[in-house]
């Protein structure tokens, strides 16, 4: 059986995935976590010093409280490099897919994906492969093909990108500070760096930039 751990901060999502995956022979959800620290704690518990990870695949949401899924992915690959991680997100593929694959993810799926595709991705990842949808394959091909000028937002650090995304979605500095467990002053500093790097003057221009880059929906 493919032993899966689901990492998502919404209980209803974890329950839904557990129920959906329960219909597929040979796939079983054996652990759940609501955030990065809990996920790492469980991964360590499911790790055998001799045999390695006793989990087969981690199904990891991008939008987690505190440390986002991409940060958790990097920590998993640093501590347990042999453990496949599939990223699951509501965000457009263009926003995170290439970053996740480059960081070591075994695939990137949207939460609206067909259950058969999720099951297929889990099986591919568990066997050591990488599951790429046609859209993600095209994004990767574009990223490694002809040299191109780097878009301003691509120079953002991971934390800056995280704050950028939340600002573009219309969240205030205070809301972002609470969501990321940061001080408002720290978020304001990130905001200033983001505006400078993207060449925008305020949150409205930043949101319009994100829409033009197809990083958020209009």
Protein backbone atom coordinates (compact mmCIF):
# COMPACT_ATOMS: atom_id res chain seq x y z
CA UNK A 1 0.00 0.00 0.00
CA UNK A 2 1.15 3.54 -0.79
CA UNK A 3 1.25 5.29 2.60
CA UNK A 4 0.28 8.95 2.21
CA UNK A 5 0.48 11.88 4.60
CA UNK A 6 -1.77 14.89 3.91
CA UNK A 7 -0.62 18.35 5.02
CA UNK A 8 -3.37 20.98 4.83
CA UNK A 9 -4.61 23.48 7.39
CA UNK A 10 -8.28 22.85 6.54
CA UNK A 11 -9.77 19.81 8.26
CA UNK A 12 -12.52 19.50 5.67
CA UNK A 13 -9.92 19.30 2.88
CA UNK A 14 -7.98 16.59 4.69
CA UNK A 15 -11.17 14.63 5.33
CA UNK A 16 -12.25 15.03 1.72
CA UNK A 17 -8.92 13.83 0.37
CA UNK A 18 -8.90 10.91 2.78
CA UNK A 19 -12.36 9.89 1.61
CA UNK A 20 -11.54 10.30 -2.08
CA UNK A 21 -8.25 8.40 -1.88
CA UNK A 22 -9.95 5.65 0.11
CA UNK A 23 -11.71 4.62 -3.11
CA UNK A 24 -8.41 3.72 -4.77
CA UNK A 25 -6.92 0.30 -4.19
CA UNK A 26 -3.41 0.34 -2.85
CA UNK A 27 -3.52 3.94 -1.60
CA UNK A 28 -4.04 4.82 2.06
CA UNK A 29 -3.81 7.99 4.14
CA UNK A 30 -1.89 7.12 7.31
CA UNK A 31 -1.11 10.57 8.73
CA UNK A 32 -2.40 14.14 8.66
CA UNK A 33 -0.90 17.50 9.65
CA UNK A 34 -2.32 21.02 9.74
CA UNK A 35 0.94 22.98 9.39
CA UNK A 36 4.65 22.72 8.72
CA UNK A 37 5.92 22.02 12.25
CA UNK A 38 3.34 19.27 12.78
CA UNK A 39 4.21 17.79 9.39
CA UNK A 40 7.93 17.67 10.20
CA UNK A 41 7.23 16.12 13.59
CA UNK A 42 5.18 13.35 11.99
CA UNK A 43 7.72 12.78 9.23
CA UNK A 44 10.41 12.27 11.86
CA UNK A 45 8.14 9.84 13.72
CA UNK A 46 7.62 7.88 10.51
CA UNK A 47 11.35 7.77 9.79
CA UNK A 48 13.37 4.64 10.50
CA UNK A 49 17.13 5.20 10.98
CA UNK A 50 17.89 2.01 9.08
CA UNK A 51 15.12 1.70 6.50
CA UNK A 52 14.52 5.42 5.95
CA UNK A 53 11.07 7.02 5.62
CA UNK A 54 8.14 4.70 6.26
CA UNK A 55 5.85 7.14 4.46
CA UNK A 56 5.69 6.81 0.68
CA UNK A 57 4.39 10.25 -0.36
CA UNK A 58 3.56 13.58 1.26
CA UNK A 59 0.64 15.50 -0.25
CA UNK A 60 1.51 19.07 0.74
CA UNK A 61 -0.60 22.22 0.45
CA UNK A 62 1.12 25.47 -0.56
CA UNK A 63 -0.99 27.83 1.56
CA UNK A 64 -0.10 26.86 5.11
CA UNK A 65 -0.13 29.16 8.14
CA UNK A 66 3.25 30.48 9.24
CA UNK A 67 5.71 28.74 6.94
CA UNK A 68 4.20 28.11 3.53
CA UNK A 69 4.33 24.81 1.71
CA UNK A 70 7.34 25.68 -0.40
CA UNK A 71 9.40 26.33 2.72
CA UNK A 72 8.19 23.05 4.22
CA UNK A 73 9.05 21.26 0.96
CA UNK A 74 12.62 22.55 1.15
CA UNK A 75 12.93 21.39 4.77
CA UNK A 76 11.59 17.93 3.90
CA UNK A 77 14.05 17.58 1.02
CA UNK A 78 16.88 18.71 3.30
CA UNK A 79 16.05 16.29 6.11
CA UNK A 80 14.55 13.35 4.21
CA UNK A 81 15.62 13.71 0.57
CA UNK A 82 14.25 10.31 -0.38
CA UNK A 83 10.66 11.16 0.60
CA UNK A 84 8.57 12.21 -2.45
CA UNK A 85 6.42 15.33 -2.02
CA UNK A 86 3.47 16.25 -4.21
CA UNK A 87 2.37 19.87 -4.00
CA UNK A 88 -1.33 20.68 -3.91
CA UNK A 89 -2.64 24.20 -4.41
CA UNK A 90 -5.51 26.47 -5.38
CA UNK A 91 -3.07 28.94 -6.92
CA UNK A 92 -2.50 29.14 -10.70
CA UNK A 93 0.15 26.73 -11.97
CA UNK A 94 2.18 29.64 -13.33
CA UNK A 95 2.64 31.08 -9.86
CA UNK A 96 4.30 28.16 -8.09
CA UNK A 97 4.66 25.06 -10.28
CA UNK A 98 8.16 25.70 -11.63
CA UNK A 99 9.43 26.87 -8.23
CA UNK A 100 8.13 23.69 -6.59
CA UNK A 101 9.58 21.32 -9.18
CA UNK A 102 12.94 23.08 -9.01
CA UNK A 103 12.83 22.74 -5.20
CA UNK A 104 12.44 18.97 -5.51
CA UNK A 105 8.68 18.36 -5.63
CA UNK A 106 7.54 15.18 -7.38
CA UNK A 107 4.63 17.04 -8.95
CA UNK A 108 2.30 20.02 -8.71
CA UNK A 109 -1.47 19.58 -8.71
CA UNK A 110 -4.38 21.98 -8.42
CA UNK A 111 -7.00 21.13 -5.78
CA UNK A 112 -9.56 21.04 -8.59
CA UNK A 113 -7.69 18.12 -10.20
CA UNK A 114 -9.61 14.98 -11.05
CA UNK A 115 -9.27 12.32 -8.30
CA UNK A 116 -7.88 9.89 -10.89
CA UNK A 117 -5.08 12.36 -11.62
CA UNK A 118 -4.28 12.73 -7.92
CA UNK A 119 -4.15 8.95 -7.50
CA UNK A 120 -1.97 8.62 -10.61
CA UNK A 121 0.35 11.33 -9.30
CA UNK A 122 0.68 9.56 -5.96
CA UNK A 123 1.55 6.29 -7.67
CA UNK A 124 4.09 7.98 -9.93
CA UNK A 125 5.72 9.80 -7.01
CA UNK A 126 5.79 6.67 -4.83
CA UNK A 127 7.61 4.80 -7.61
CA UNK A 128 10.29 7.50 -7.75
CA UNK A 129 8.98 9.42 -10.74
CA UNK A 130 7.77 12.97 -11.30
CA UNK A 131 4.16 13.64 -12.28
CA UNK A 132 3.75 16.57 -14.67
CA UNK A 133 0.46 17.80 -16.08
CA UNK A 134 0.56 19.15 -19.65
CA UNK A 135 0.36 22.72 -18.31
CA UNK A 136 3.25 22.24 -15.87
CA UNK A 137 5.29 20.48 -18.56
CA UNK A 138 4.85 23.50 -20.82
CA UNK A 139 5.82 25.90 -18.03
CA UNK A 140 8.98 23.90 -17.35
CA UNK A 141 9.82 23.76 -21.05
CA UNK A 142 9.43 27.53 -21.30
CA UNK A 143 11.56 28.06 -18.20
CA UNK A 144 14.54 26.10 -19.58
CA UNK A 145 14.28 26.95 -23.28
CA UNK A 146 15.47 30.21 -24.75
CA UNK A 147 17.15 32.66 -22.38
CA UNK A 148 14.77 35.45 -21.46
CA UNK A 149 14.78 38.55 -19.36
CA UNK A 150 13.83 37.75 -15.78
CA UNK A 151 10.49 39.20 -14.70
CA UNK A 152 10.87 41.55 -11.70
CA UNK A 153 8.91 39.29 -9.33
CA UNK A 154 11.26 36.38 -10.04
CA UNK A 155 13.98 38.16 -8.07
CA UNK A 156 11.89 38.03 -4.89
CA UNK A 157 13.03 35.79 -2.06
CA UNK A 158 10.65 33.06 -0.91
CA UNK A 159 9.38 35.14 2.03
CA UNK A 160 9.03 38.22 -0.17
CA UNK A 161 7.10 36.16 -2.70
CA UNK A 162 4.82 34.95 0.07
CA UNK A 163 4.09 38.51 1.24
CA UNK A 164 3.75 39.65 -2.38
CA UNK A 165 1.07 37.05 -3.05
CA UNK A 166 -0.94 38.05 0.01
CA UNK A 167 -0.65 41.77 -0.78
CA UNK A 168 -1.82 41.10 -4.33
CA UNK A 169 -4.83 39.25 -2.92
CA UNK A 170 -5.80 42.40 -1.03
CA UNK A 171 -4.67 41.52 2.48
CA UNK A 172 -3.46 44.31 4.77
CA UNK A 173 -0.08 44.44 6.48
CA UNK A 174 -1.75 43.54 9.78
CA UNK A 175 -3.56 40.55 8.28
CA UNK A 176 -0.37 39.29 6.67
CA UNK A 177 1.56 39.73 9.91
CA UNK A 178 -0.99 37.61 11.73
CA UNK A 179 -1.13 34.95 9.01
CA UNK A 180 2.66 34.57 8.83
CA UNK A 181 3.36 35.05 12.55
CA UNK A 182 5.49 38.12 11.83
CA UNK A 183 5.49 41.64 13.24
CA UNK A 184 3.78 44.39 11.25
CA UNK A 185 7.11 46.21 11.00
CA UNK A 186 8.71 43.15 9.42
CA UNK A 187 5.90 42.80 6.90
CA UNK A 188 6.15 46.52 6.10
CA UNK A 189 9.87 46.06 5.40
CA UNK A 190 9.11 43.16 3.05
CA UNK A 191 6.40 45.26 1.37
CA UNK A 192 8.87 48.09 0.73
CA UNK A 193 11.37 45.67 -0.83
CA UNK A 194 8.64 44.13 -2.99
CA UNK A 195 7.46 47.50 -4.29
CA UNK A 196 11.04 48.45 -5.11
CA UNK A 197 11.86 45.18 -6.88
CA UNK A 198 8.64 45.15 -8.92
CA UNK A 199 8.78 48.85 -9.74
CA UNK A 200 5.34 49.52 -8.28
CA UNK A 201 4.37 52.43 -6.03
CA UNK A 202 1.48 51.06 -3.96
CA UNK A 203 -0.68 48.01 -3.31
CA UNK A 204 -3.05 48.80 -6.18
CA UNK A 205 -0.22 48.89 -8.71
CA UNK A 206 1.19 45.72 -7.16
CA UNK A 207 -2.14 43.93 -7.56
CA UNK A 208 -2.38 45.07 -11.19
CA UNK A 209 1.17 43.84 -11.79
CA UNK A 210 0.23 40.43 -10.36
CA UNK A 211 -2.80 40.23 -12.67
CA UNK A 212 -0.72 41.19 -15.73
CA UNK A 213 1.79 38.48 -14.86
CA UNK A 214 -1.10 36.02 -14.45
CA UNK A 215 -0.03 35.34 -10.88
CA UNK A 216 -3.51 36.00 -9.50
CA UNK A 217 -6.95 36.04 -11.04
CA UNK A 218 -8.43 39.40 -12.03
